[in-house]
Amino acid sequence: MLTVGDQFPDFDLMACVSLEKGKEFERIDAEWLKLNREKKGWLVVFAWPKDFTFVCPTEIAAFGKLNEEFADRDAQVLGFSGDSEFVHHAWRKDHDDLRDLPFPMMADSKHELMRDLGIEGEDGFAKRAVFIVDQNNEIQFSMVTAGSVGRNPKEVLRVLDALQTDELCPCNWTKGEDTLDPVKLLAGE
């Protein structure tokens, strides 16, 4: 699995971006990222195993509810699984919590992105992974959980806040709290 310090791989995927007729699908590629990253320098990319399951929609909806907070921190949220954009569309239409998602649901139908990231499971499905990628396309945070355990998008937001301070942040640090000053710590202050 790619981790901190690795470059996030290039990708070119179709995505379900809306339920509005004629505006359902969009290609998410290097050009799209360039245009969107001029506004938002950071990426938060997360993968879920498959659509029409039980844990996955709870996470997707939770990322959706925090989308504005990620945007306020200049971060673009992108989600994906190995399902097609048409399956994503059907799931969004079928699931109340997914209808108005504010970020693209990308379709990694050929499993290229999940393989490049090293998160394709032995069962052929994406592992439950999340990556925070900086303006230089370098991964600054990566995490994967067991398929039965949902992630905490608020923790991903907290880590993004900490990364954006470019300072030392203690355990459980939250935005607005003091960061660590090594000079003062070494002086015993």
C-alpha atoms as a PDB file:
ATOM      1  CA  MET A   1       0.000   0.000   0.000  1.00  0.00           C
ATOM      2  CA  LEU A   2       1.255   3.471  -0.832  1.00  0.00           C
ATOM      3  CA  THR A   3       1.974   5.544   2.229  1.00  0.00           C
ATOM      4  CA  VAL A   4       3.379   8.830   3.509  1.00  0.00           C
ATOM      5  CA  GLY A   5       5.970  10.273   1.133  1.00  0.00           C
ATOM      6  CA  ASP A   6       4.773   8.366  -1.940  1.00  0.00           C
ATOM      7  CA  GLN A   7       3.341  10.183  -4.945  1.00  0.00           C
ATOM      8  CA  PHE A   8      -0.373   9.641  -5.467  1.00  0.00           C
ATOM      9  CA  PRO A   9      -0.843   7.858  -8.817  1.00  0.00           C
ATOM     10  CA  ASP A  10      -2.429   9.493 -11.848  1.00  0.00           C
ATOM     11  CA  PHE A  11      -5.887   8.241 -12.760  1.00  0.00           C
ATOM     12  CA  ASP A  12      -8.618   8.756 -15.325  1.00  0.00           C
ATOM     13  CA  LEU A  13     -12.009   7.559 -14.087  1.00  0.00           C
ATOM     14  CA  MET A  14     -15.660   8.152 -14.836  1.00  0.00           C
ATOM     15  CA  ALA A  15     -17.717   9.295 -11.866  1.00  0.00           C
ATOM     16  CA  CYS A  16     -21.295   9.756 -10.832  1.00  0.00           C
ATOM     17  CA  VAL A  17     -21.497  13.421  -9.834  1.00  0.00           C
ATOM     18  CA  SER A  18     -25.229  14.133  -9.834  1.00  0.00           C
ATOM     19  CA  LEU A  19     -28.693  12.700 -10.205  1.00  0.00           C
ATOM     20  CA  GLU A  20     -29.745  15.584 -12.456  1.00  0.00           C
ATOM     21  CA  LYS A  21     -30.708  14.308 -15.910  1.00  0.00           C
ATOM     22  CA  GLY A  22     -27.939  14.970 -18.410  1.00  0.00           C
ATOM     23  CA  LYS A  23     -25.410  15.866 -15.692  1.00  0.00           C
ATOM     24  CA  GLU A  24     -25.033  12.486 -14.003  1.00  0.00           C
ATOM     25  CA  PHE A  25     -21.501  11.587 -15.098  1.00  0.00           C
ATOM     26  CA  GLU A  26     -18.151  13.307 -15.436  1.00  0.00           C
ATOM     27  CA  ARG A  27     -14.612  12.208 -16.229  1.00  0.00           C
ATOM     28  CA  ILE A  28     -12.199  12.774 -13.328  1.00  0.00           C
ATOM     29  CA  ASP A  29      -8.709  12.940 -14.808  1.00  0.00           C
ATOM     30  CA  ALA A  30      -5.503  14.993 -14.644  1.00  0.00           C
ATOM     31  CA  GLU A  31      -7.164  17.986 -16.331  1.00  0.00           C
ATOM     32  CA  TRP A  32     -10.144  17.900 -13.950  1.00  0.00           C
ATOM     33  CA  LEU A  33      -7.785  17.629 -10.986  1.00  0.00           C
ATOM     34  CA  LYS A  34      -5.645  20.491 -12.247  1.00  0.00           C
ATOM     35  CA  LEU A  35      -8.670  22.768 -12.553  1.00  0.00           C
ATOM     36  CA  ASN A  36     -10.063  21.756  -9.162  1.00  0.00           C
ATOM     37  CA  ARG A  37      -6.737  21.732  -7.337  1.00  0.00           C
ATOM     38  CA  GLU A  38      -6.014  25.313  -8.382  1.00  0.00           C
ATOM     39  CA  LYS A  39      -8.880  26.127  -6.037  1.00  0.00           C
ATOM     40  CA  LYS A  40      -8.246  23.291  -3.597  1.00  0.00           C
ATOM     41  CA  GLY A  41      -4.656  22.231  -3.124  1.00  0.00           C
ATOM     42  CA  TRP A  42      -5.329  19.112  -1.051  1.00  0.00           C
ATOM     43  CA  LEU A  43      -7.044  15.847  -1.951  1.00  0.00           C
ATOM     44  CA  VAL A  44      -8.852  13.483   0.377  1.00  0.00           C
ATOM     45  CA  VAL A  45      -9.388  10.233  -1.515  1.00  0.00           C
ATOM     46  CA  PHE A  46     -11.178   7.306   0.052  1.00  0.00           C
ATOM     47  CA  ALA A  47     -12.146   3.872  -1.216  1.00  0.00           C
ATOM     48  CA  TRP A  48     -14.943   1.563  -0.157  1.00  0.00           C
ATOM     49  CA  PRO A  49     -15.321  -2.132  -1.029  1.00  0.00           C
ATOM     50  CA  LYS A  50     -18.582  -2.100  -2.986  1.00  0.00           C
ATOM     51  CA  ASP A  51     -21.919  -0.430  -3.485  1.00  0.00           C
ATOM     52  CA  PHE A  52     -25.238  -1.630  -2.056  1.00  0.00           C
ATOM     53  CA  THR A  53     -23.607  -2.754   1.187  1.00  0.00           C
ATOM     54  CA  PHE A  54     -24.043  -1.762   4.822  1.00  0.00           C
ATOM     55  CA  VAL A  55     -20.961  -0.057   6.315  1.00  0.00           C
ATOM     56  CA  CYS A  56     -20.011   1.805   3.111  1.00  0.00           C
ATOM     57  CA  PRO A  57     -22.988   4.197   2.902  1.00  0.00           C
ATOM     58  CA  THR A  58     -22.491   5.270   6.518  1.00  0.00           C
ATOM     59  CA  GLU A  59     -18.950   6.406   5.679  1.00  0.00           C
ATOM     60  CA  ILE A  60     -19.805   7.958   2.321  1.00  0.00           C
ATOM     61  CA  ALA A  61     -22.647   9.958   3.876  1.00  0.00           C
ATOM     62  CA  ALA A  62     -20.385  11.064   6.765  1.00  0.00           C
ATOM     63  CA  PHE A  63     -17.738  12.336   4.312  1.00  0.00           C
ATOM     64  CA  GLY A  64     -20.557  14.108   2.456  1.00  0.00           C
ATOM     65  CA  LYS A  65     -21.778  15.835   5.624  1.00  0.00           C
ATOM     66  CA  LEU A  66     -18.237  17.133   6.250  1.00  0.00           C
ATOM     67  CA  ASN A  67     -17.592  18.142   2.632  1.00  0.00           C
ATOM     68  CA  GLU A  68     -17.937  21.878   3.352  1.00  0.00           C
ATOM     69  CA  GLU A  69     -15.456  21.593   6.217  1.00  0.00           C
ATOM     70  CA  PHE A  70     -12.969  19.856   3.908  1.00  0.00           C
ATOM     71  CA  ALA A  71     -13.607  22.547   1.270  1.00  0.00           C
ATOM     72  CA  ASP A  72     -12.981  25.272   3.874  1.00  0.00           C
ATOM     73  CA  ARG A  73      -9.539  23.696   4.296  1.00  0.00           C
ATOM     74  CA  ASP A  74      -8.887  23.730   0.535  1.00  0.00           C
ATOM     75  CA  ALA A  75      -9.403  19.984   0.183  1.00  0.00           C
ATOM     76  CA  GLN A  76     -11.278  18.164  -2.578  1.00  0.00           C
ATOM     77  CA  VAL A  77     -12.965  14.937  -1.450  1.00  0.00           C
ATOM     78  CA  LEU A  78     -13.110  12.046  -3.943  1.00  0.00           C
ATOM     79  CA  GLY A  79     -14.520   8.591  -3.279  1.00  0.00           C
ATOM     80  CA  PHE A  80     -14.275   5.405  -5.317  1.00  0.00           C
ATOM     81  CA  SER A  81     -14.913   1.692  -5.534  1.00  0.00           C
ATOM     82  CA  GLY A  82     -14.631  -0.926  -8.259  1.00  0.00           C
ATOM     83  CA  ASP A  83     -18.289  -0.517  -9.178  1.00  0.00           C
ATOM     84  CA  SER A  84     -19.228   1.274 -12.415  1.00  0.00           C
ATOM     85  CA  GLU A  85     -20.531   4.830 -12.535  1.00  0.00           C
ATOM     86  CA  PHE A  86     -23.931   3.351 -13.459  1.00  0.00           C
ATOM     87  CA  VAL A  87     -24.014   1.243 -10.299  1.00  0.00           C
ATOM     88  CA  HIS A  88     -23.010   4.345  -8.287  1.00  0.00           C
ATOM     89  CA  HIS A  89     -25.879   6.225  -9.929  1.00  0.00           C
ATOM     90  CA  ALA A  90     -28.388   3.477  -9.139  1.00  0.00           C
ATOM     91  CA  TRP A  91     -27.182   3.327  -5.536  1.00  0.00           C
ATOM     92  CA  ARG A  92     -27.441   7.090  -5.115  1.00  0.00           C
ATOM     93  CA  LYS A  93     -31.009   7.009  -6.481  1.00  0.00           C
ATOM     94  CA  ASP A  94     -31.870   4.117  -4.149  1.00  0.00           C
ATOM     95  CA  HIS A  95     -30.240   5.345  -0.907  1.00  0.00           C
ATOM     96  CA  ASP A  96     -31.597   8.463   0.847  1.00  0.00           C
ATOM     97  CA  ASP A  97     -28.242   9.312   2.470  1.00  0.00           C
ATOM     98  CA  LEU A  98     -26.393   9.277  -0.877  1.00  0.00           C
ATOM     99  CA  ARG A  99     -28.753  11.234  -3.130  1.00  0.00           C
ATOM    100  CA  ASP A 100     -27.226  14.670  -2.627  1.00  0.00           C
ATOM    101  CA  LEU A 101     -23.550  13.797  -2.284  1.00  0.00           C
ATOM    102  CA  PRO A 102     -21.387  16.860  -2.912  1.00  0.00           C
ATOM    103  CA  PHE A 103     -18.351  14.963  -4.237  1.00  0.00           C
ATOM    104  CA  PRO A 104     -17.729  12.553  -7.143  1.00  0.00           C
ATOM    105  CA  MET A 105     -18.236   8.807  -6.722  1.00  0.00           C
ATOM    106  CA  MET A 106     -15.508   7.526  -9.036  1.00  0.00           C
ATOM    107  CA  ALA A 107     -15.747   4.191 -10.836  1.00  0.00           C
ATOM    108  CA  ASP A 108     -12.513   2.177 -10.766  1.00  0.00           C
ATOM    109  CA  SER A 109     -14.087  -0.614 -12.822  1.00  0.00           C
ATOM    110  CA  LYS A 110     -10.740  -1.859 -14.140  1.00  0.00           C
ATOM    111  CA  HIS A 111      -9.271  -1.730 -10.606  1.00  0.00           C
ATOM    112  CA  GLU A 112      -6.300   0.288 -11.865  1.00  0.00           C
ATOM    113  CA  LEU A 113      -6.345   2.926  -9.107  1.00  0.00           C
ATOM    114  CA  MET A 114      -6.851   0.408  -6.317  1.00  0.00           C
ATOM    115  CA  ARG A 115      -3.953  -1.686  -7.684  1.00  0.00           C
ATOM    116  CA  ASP A 116      -1.711   1.376  -8.070  1.00  0.00           C
ATOM    117  CA  LEU A 117      -2.493   2.337  -4.469  1.00  0.00           C
ATOM    118  CA  GLY A 118      -1.946  -1.234  -3.273  1.00  0.00           C
ATOM    119  CA  ILE A 119      -5.421  -1.510  -1.760  1.00  0.00           C
ATOM    120  CA  GLU A 120      -7.028  -4.219  -3.885  1.00  0.00           C
ATOM    121  CA  GLY A 121      -7.928  -7.036  -1.523  1.00  0.00           C
ATOM    122  CA  GLU A 122      -7.496 -10.718  -2.256  1.00  0.00           C
ATOM    123  CA  ASP A 123     -11.260 -10.813  -2.817  1.00  0.00           C
ATOM    124  CA  GLY A 124     -10.896  -8.299  -5.691  1.00  0.00           C
ATOM    125  CA  PHE A 125     -12.616  -5.462  -3.826  1.00  0.00           C
ATOM    126  CA  ALA A 126     -11.037  -2.234  -2.628  1.00  0.00           C
ATOM    127  CA  LYS A 127      -9.894  -2.158   0.964  1.00  0.00           C
ATOM    128  CA  ARG A 128     -11.478   0.487   3.181  1.00  0.00           C
ATOM    129  CA  ALA A 129      -8.665   3.052   2.695  1.00  0.00           C
ATOM    130  CA  VAL A 130      -8.234   6.826   2.868  1.00  0.00           C
ATOM    131  CA  PHE A 131      -5.405   9.095   1.695  1.00  0.00           C
ATOM    132  CA  ILE A 132      -4.648  12.767   2.307  1.00  0.00           C
ATOM    133  CA  VAL A 133      -2.590  14.178  -0.561  1.00  0.00           C
ATOM    134  CA  ASP A 134      -0.845  17.571  -0.454  1.00  0.00           C
ATOM    135  CA  GLN A 135      -0.428  20.220  -3.160  1.00  0.00           C
ATOM    136  CA  ASN A 136       2.701  18.452  -4.445  1.00  0.00           C
ATOM    137  CA  ASN A 137       0.732  15.231  -4.979  1.00  0.00           C
ATOM    138  CA  GLU A 138       2.567  13.605  -2.060  1.00  0.00           C
ATOM    139  CA  ILE A 139       0.654  11.356   0.305  1.00  0.00           C
ATOM    140  CA  GLN A 140       0.748  12.829   3.807  1.00  0.00           C
ATOM    141  CA  PHE A 141      -1.615  10.353   5.491  1.00  0.00           C
ATOM    142  CA  SER A 142      -2.869   6.881   4.648  1.00  0.00           C
ATOM    143  CA  MET A 143      -5.051   4.495   6.584  1.00  0.00           C
ATOM    144  CA  VAL A 144      -6.860   1.245   5.942  1.00  0.00           C
ATOM    145  CA  THR A 145      -9.320  -0.529   8.209  1.00  0.00           C
ATOM    146  CA  ALA A 146     -10.820  -3.986   8.199  1.00  0.00           C
ATOM    147  CA  GLY A 147     -13.832  -4.274   5.915  1.00  0.00           C
ATOM    148  CA  SER A 148     -16.146  -4.591   8.889  1.00  0.00           C
ATOM    149  CA  VAL A 149     -14.949  -1.348  10.536  1.00  0.00           C
ATOM    150  CA  GLY A 150     -16.024   2.057   9.265  1.00  0.00           C
ATOM    151  CA  ARG A 151     -13.656   4.994   9.262  1.00  0.00           C
ATOM    152  CA  ASN A 152     -14.134   8.240  11.143  1.00  0.00           C
ATOM    153  CA  PRO A 153     -14.186  11.154   8.651  1.00  0.00           C
ATOM    154  CA  LYS A 154     -13.904  13.603  11.574  1.00  0.00           C
ATOM    155  CA  GLU A 155     -10.527  12.044  12.375  1.00  0.00           C
ATOM    156  CA  VAL A 156      -9.461  12.481   8.746  1.00  0.00           C
ATOM    157  CA  LEU A 157     -10.460  16.155   9.021  1.00  0.00           C
ATOM    158  CA  ARG A 158      -8.512  16.469  12.292  1.00  0.00           C
ATOM    159  CA  VAL A 159      -5.397  15.007  10.645  1.00  0.00           C
ATOM    160  CA  LEU A 160      -5.797  17.388   7.696  1.00  0.00           C
ATOM    161  CA  ASP A 161      -5.974  20.301  10.151  1.00  0.00           C
ATOM    162  CA  ALA A 162      -2.803  19.092  11.849  1.00  0.00           C
ATOM    163  CA  LEU A 163      -0.961  18.630   8.551  1.00  0.00           C
ATOM    164  CA  GLN A 164      -1.899  22.123   7.453  1.00  0.00           C
ATOM    165  CA  THR A 165      -0.316  23.706  10.550  1.00  0.00           C
ATOM    166  CA  ASP A 166       3.102  22.481   9.367  1.00  0.00           C
ATOM    167  CA  GLU A 167       3.965  22.269  13.074  1.00  0.00           C
ATOM    168  CA  LEU A 168       4.314  19.542  15.684  1.00  0.00           C
ATOM    169  CA  CYS A 169       0.877  18.449  16.889  1.00  0.00           C
ATOM    170  CA  PRO A 170       0.465  16.310  20.007  1.00  0.00           C
ATOM    171  CA  CYS A 171      -1.801  13.303  20.362  1.00  0.00           C
ATOM    172  CA  ASN A 172      -5.495  14.199  20.053  1.00  0.00           C
ATOM    173  CA  TRP A 173      -4.638  17.760  18.972  1.00  0.00           C
ATOM    174  CA  THR A 174      -7.559  19.671  17.475  1.00  0.00           C
ATOM    175  CA  LYS A 175      -7.701  22.870  15.456  1.00  0.00           C
ATOM    176  CA  GLY A 176      -7.278  25.943  17.655  1.00  0.00           C
ATOM    177  CA  GLU A 177      -5.197  24.202  20.299  1.00  0.00           C
ATOM    178  CA  ASP A 178      -1.522  24.980  20.877  1.00  0.00           C
ATOM    179  CA  THR A 179       1.024  23.043  18.881  1.00  0.00           C
ATOM    180  CA  LEU A 180       4.311  21.845  20.353  1.00  0.00           C
ATOM    181  CA  ASP A 181       7.320  24.178  20.441  1.00  0.00           C
ATOM    182  CA  PRO A 182      10.478  22.017  20.607  1.00  0.00           C
ATOM    183  CA  VAL A 183      12.634  24.931  21.809  1.00  0.00           C
ATOM    184  CA  LYS A 184      10.349  25.533  24.785  1.00  0.00           C
ATOM    185  CA  LEU A 185      10.074  21.796  25.460  1.00  0.00           C
ATOM    186  CA  LEU A 186      13.860  21.362  25.463  1.00  0.00           C
ATOM    187  CA  ALA A 187      14.192  24.364  27.778  1.00  0.00           C
ATOM    188  CA  GLY A 188      11.732  22.715  30.181  1.00  0.00           C
ATOM    189  CA  GLU A 189       9.075  25.374  29.714  1.00  0.00           C
END
